[in-house]
Amino acid sequence: MKIEKKIWPKYFQKILNGDKTFELRLADWECKPGDILILKEWDPETKEHTGRKIEKTVTYVAKTKDIMFWSKEEIEKYGYQIISFK
């Protein structure tokens, strides 16, 4: 399946450069390995697409609602970070 999503310029460019190899998204849509994610650059100031897009094949999808590894206080103090690696 091909899935189109908007992406802000700073994140689009990092993916284009090869520095960013992941996406964090609200899980309000279905996505599975093998799907093609079409990321269309979206300018939040003009509220328009820039015309640039990039296609990536989904290799892994992790979904969660409850992360119970840390206390609420630790999460509020530090937040989460997503780590991508090769």
N, C-alpha and C. Protein backbone atom coordinates (compact mmCIF):
# COMPACT_ATOMS: atom_id res chain seq x y z
N MET A 1 0.84 -1.17 0.00
CA MET A 1 0.00 0.00 0.00
C MET A 1 0.89 1.24 0.00
N LYS A 2 0.46 2.27 -0.69
CA LYS A 2 1.15 3.55 -0.66
C LYS A 2 0.41 4.49 0.27
N ILE A 3 1.16 5.14 1.15
CA ILE A 3 0.59 6.03 2.16
C ILE A 3 1.27 7.39 2.04
N GLU A 4 0.47 8.44 1.86
CA GLU A 4 1.01 9.79 1.76
C GLU A 4 0.83 10.54 3.07
N LYS A 5 1.91 11.20 3.52
CA LYS A 5 1.87 12.00 4.74
C LYS A 5 2.66 13.29 4.52
N LYS A 6 2.25 14.33 5.21
CA LYS A 6 2.97 15.60 5.19
C LYS A 6 4.18 15.50 6.11
N ILE A 7 5.21 16.28 5.80
CA ILE A 7 6.39 16.35 6.66
C ILE A 7 6.99 17.75 6.55
N TRP A 8 7.38 18.32 7.67
CA TRP A 8 7.96 19.66 7.69
C TRP A 8 9.34 19.67 7.03
N PRO A 9 9.72 20.80 6.45
CA PRO A 9 10.99 20.90 5.71
C PRO A 9 12.23 20.44 6.47
N LYS A 10 12.36 20.81 7.75
CA LYS A 10 13.59 20.44 8.48
C LYS A 10 13.72 18.92 8.62
N TYR A 11 12.61 18.22 8.77
CA TYR A 11 12.65 16.76 8.89
C TYR A 11 12.80 16.11 7.51
N PHE A 12 12.14 16.69 6.50
CA PHE A 12 12.27 16.19 5.14
C PHE A 12 13.74 16.20 4.71
N GLN A 13 14.42 17.32 4.95
CA GLN A 13 15.81 17.45 4.53
C GLN A 13 16.71 16.45 5.25
N LYS A 14 16.46 16.19 6.54
CA LYS A 14 17.26 15.22 7.28
C LYS A 14 17.09 13.81 6.71
N ILE A 15 15.88 13.47 6.29
CA ILE A 15 15.65 12.17 5.66
C ILE A 15 16.34 12.14 4.30
N LEU A 16 16.20 13.20 3.53
CA LEU A 16 16.84 13.29 2.22
C LEU A 16 18.36 13.14 2.33
N ASN A 17 18.94 13.73 3.37
CA ASN A 17 20.39 13.65 3.60
C ASN A 17 20.83 12.29 4.12
N GLY A 18 19.88 11.47 4.60
CA GLY A 18 20.21 10.17 5.16
C GLY A 18 20.49 10.20 6.65
N ASP A 19 20.31 11.36 7.29
CA ASP A 19 20.57 11.49 8.72
C ASP A 19 19.42 10.95 9.57
N LYS A 20 18.21 11.01 9.08
CA LYS A 20 17.02 10.60 9.82
C LYS A 20 16.44 9.37 9.14
N THR A 21 16.37 8.25 9.87
CA THR A 21 15.90 6.99 9.29
C THR A 21 14.70 6.44 10.04
N PHE A 22 13.86 7.33 10.55
CA PHE A 22 12.67 6.92 11.30
C PHE A 22 11.62 8.00 11.20
N GLU A 23 10.40 7.68 11.58
CA GLU A 23 9.32 8.65 11.70
C GLU A 23 8.56 8.35 12.97
N LEU A 24 8.18 9.36 13.69
CA LEU A 24 7.30 9.24 14.85
C LEU A 24 5.97 9.84 14.45
N ARG A 25 4.93 9.05 14.49
CA ARG A 25 3.61 9.50 14.07
C ARG A 25 2.55 8.99 15.04
N LEU A 26 1.47 9.73 15.13
CA LEU A 26 0.30 9.27 15.85
C LEU A 26 -0.23 8.04 15.12
N ALA A 27 -0.56 7.00 15.87
CA ALA A 27 -0.99 5.73 15.26
C ALA A 27 -2.48 5.75 14.93
N ASP A 28 -2.92 6.79 14.22
CA ASP A 28 -4.33 6.90 13.85
C ASP A 28 -4.58 6.41 12.43
N TRP A 29 -3.63 5.65 11.89
CA TRP A 29 -3.74 5.06 10.56
C TRP A 29 -2.91 3.79 10.53
N GLU A 30 -3.21 2.89 9.61
CA GLU A 30 -2.53 1.60 9.54
C GLU A 30 -1.29 1.69 8.65
N CYS A 31 -0.26 1.02 9.08
CA CYS A 31 1.01 0.97 8.35
C CYS A 31 1.68 -0.34 8.70
N LYS A 32 2.28 -1.00 7.70
CA LYS A 32 2.94 -2.28 7.97
C LYS A 32 4.20 -2.39 7.11
N PRO A 33 5.12 -3.26 7.50
CA PRO A 33 6.32 -3.47 6.69
C PRO A 33 5.96 -3.81 5.25
N GLY A 34 6.69 -3.21 4.34
CA GLY A 34 6.43 -3.40 2.92
C GLY A 34 5.64 -2.26 2.30
N ASP A 35 4.91 -1.51 3.12
CA ASP A 35 4.18 -0.35 2.62
C ASP A 35 5.17 0.71 2.15
N ILE A 36 4.74 1.56 1.24
CA ILE A 36 5.55 2.68 0.77
C ILE A 36 5.02 3.95 1.43
N LEU A 37 5.89 4.61 2.18
CA LEU A 37 5.54 5.87 2.84
C LEU A 37 6.02 7.00 1.93
N ILE A 38 5.07 7.78 1.43
CA ILE A 38 5.38 8.91 0.57
C ILE A 38 5.30 10.16 1.45
N LEU A 39 6.45 10.75 1.72
CA LEU A 39 6.52 11.93 2.57
C LEU A 39 6.59 13.16 1.68
N LYS A 40 5.55 14.00 1.78
CA LYS A 40 5.44 15.20 0.96
C LYS A 40 5.78 16.41 1.83
N GLU A 41 6.81 17.13 1.42
CA GLU A 41 7.27 18.28 2.20
C GLU A 41 6.14 19.33 2.28
N TRP A 42 5.88 19.78 3.52
CA TRP A 42 4.79 20.70 3.82
C TRP A 42 5.36 21.89 4.58
N ASP A 43 5.13 23.07 4.09
CA ASP A 43 5.61 24.28 4.75
C ASP A 43 4.54 24.75 5.73
N PRO A 44 4.82 24.68 7.05
CA PRO A 44 3.81 25.07 8.03
C PRO A 44 3.49 26.57 8.03
N GLU A 45 4.39 27.38 7.49
CA GLU A 45 4.14 28.83 7.44
C GLU A 45 3.18 29.19 6.31
N THR A 46 3.40 28.60 5.12
CA THR A 46 2.52 28.90 3.98
C THR A 46 1.32 27.95 3.93
N LYS A 47 1.41 26.87 4.71
CA LYS A 47 0.38 25.82 4.73
C LYS A 47 0.15 25.24 3.32
N GLU A 48 1.27 25.00 2.63
CA GLU A 48 1.22 24.43 1.30
C GLU A 48 2.35 23.41 1.12
N HIS A 49 2.13 22.48 0.20
CA HIS A 49 3.19 21.54 -0.17
C HIS A 49 4.25 22.30 -0.97
N THR A 50 5.50 21.93 -0.80
CA THR A 50 6.59 22.59 -1.54
C THR A 50 6.79 21.97 -2.92
N GLY A 51 6.25 20.79 -3.13
CA GLY A 51 6.44 20.08 -4.40
C GLY A 51 7.47 18.96 -4.28
N ARG A 52 8.24 18.96 -3.17
CA ARG A 52 9.22 17.88 -3.00
C ARG A 52 8.57 16.72 -2.26
N LYS A 53 8.96 15.51 -2.65
CA LYS A 53 8.48 14.32 -1.95
C LYS A 53 9.57 13.26 -2.00
N ILE A 54 9.48 12.33 -1.06
CA ILE A 54 10.43 11.23 -0.99
C ILE A 54 9.64 9.97 -0.64
N GLU A 55 10.02 8.85 -1.24
CA GLU A 55 9.35 7.57 -0.97
C GLU A 55 10.30 6.67 -0.20
N LYS A 56 9.78 6.07 0.87
CA LYS A 56 10.56 5.15 1.69
C LYS A 56 9.75 3.88 1.92
N THR A 57 10.42 2.75 1.89
CA THR A 57 9.77 1.47 2.19
C THR A 57 9.79 1.24 3.69
N VAL A 58 8.63 0.95 4.25
CA VAL A 58 8.51 0.69 5.69
C VAL A 58 9.16 -0.67 5.98
N THR A 59 10.07 -0.70 6.97
CA THR A 59 10.74 -1.96 7.34
C THR A 59 10.30 -2.47 8.70
N TYR A 60 9.83 -1.57 9.57
CA TYR A 60 9.44 -1.97 10.92
C TYR A 60 8.46 -0.95 11.47
N VAL A 61 7.44 -1.42 12.19
CA VAL A 61 6.47 -0.54 12.83
C VAL A 61 6.30 -1.00 14.27
N ALA A 62 6.49 -0.09 15.20
CA ALA A 62 6.25 -0.37 16.62
C ALA A 62 5.12 0.55 17.08
N LYS A 63 4.13 -0.04 17.73
CA LYS A 63 3.01 0.74 18.26
C LYS A 63 2.90 0.49 19.75
N THR A 64 2.57 1.53 20.48
CA THR A 64 2.38 1.38 21.92
C THR A 64 1.45 2.46 22.44
N LYS A 65 0.75 2.15 23.49
CA LYS A 65 -0.05 3.13 24.21
C LYS A 65 0.48 3.27 25.63
N ASP A 66 0.97 2.18 26.15
CA ASP A 66 1.41 2.16 27.54
C ASP A 66 2.89 1.80 27.62
N ILE A 67 3.69 2.75 28.01
CA ILE A 67 5.10 2.49 28.26
C ILE A 67 5.29 2.59 29.77
N MET A 68 5.54 1.47 30.39
CA MET A 68 5.57 1.41 31.85
C MET A 68 6.99 1.24 32.40
N PHE A 69 8.00 1.57 31.60
CA PHE A 69 9.37 1.39 32.05
C PHE A 69 9.80 2.45 33.06
N TRP A 70 9.18 3.63 33.00
CA TRP A 70 9.60 4.73 33.86
C TRP A 70 8.40 5.29 34.61
N SER A 71 8.67 6.00 35.67
CA SER A 71 7.59 6.61 36.44
C SER A 71 7.07 7.85 35.71
N LYS A 72 5.87 8.27 36.05
CA LYS A 72 5.28 9.47 35.46
C LYS A 72 6.16 10.68 35.74
N GLU A 73 6.74 10.73 36.93
CA GLU A 73 7.61 11.85 37.30
C GLU A 73 8.86 11.91 36.42
N GLU A 74 9.46 10.73 36.14
CA GLU A 74 10.64 10.69 35.29
C GLU A 74 10.30 11.13 33.86
N ILE A 75 9.16 10.69 33.38
CA ILE A 75 8.74 11.05 32.03
C ILE A 75 8.48 12.55 31.94
N GLU A 76 7.81 13.12 32.95
CA GLU A 76 7.55 14.56 32.94
C GLU A 76 8.85 15.36 33.05
N LYS A 77 9.83 14.84 33.77
CA LYS A 77 11.10 15.55 33.93
C LYS A 77 11.97 15.47 32.68
N TYR A 78 12.07 14.27 32.08
CA TYR A 78 13.01 14.06 30.99
C TYR A 78 12.36 13.91 29.61
N GLY A 79 11.11 13.44 29.54
CA GLY A 79 10.47 13.16 28.26
C GLY A 79 11.03 11.88 27.66
N TYR A 80 10.65 11.63 26.42
CA TYR A 80 11.13 10.46 25.69
C TYR A 80 12.14 10.89 24.64
N GLN A 81 12.97 9.98 24.22
CA GLN A 81 13.78 10.18 23.03
C GLN A 81 13.70 8.91 22.20
N ILE A 82 13.72 9.10 20.90
CA ILE A 82 13.71 7.97 19.98
C ILE A 82 15.10 7.88 19.39
N ILE A 83 15.67 6.71 19.43
CA ILE A 83 17.04 6.52 18.96
C ILE A 83 17.00 5.62 17.73
N SER A 84 17.57 6.10 16.66
CA SER A 84 17.66 5.32 15.44
C SER A 84 19.11 4.90 15.24
N PHE A 85 19.31 3.72 14.72
CA PHE A 85 20.68 3.27 14.50
C PHE A 85 20.77 2.41 13.27
N LYS A 86 22.00 2.26 12.74
CA LYS A 86 22.23 1.43 11.55
C LYS A 86 23.03 0.22 11.93
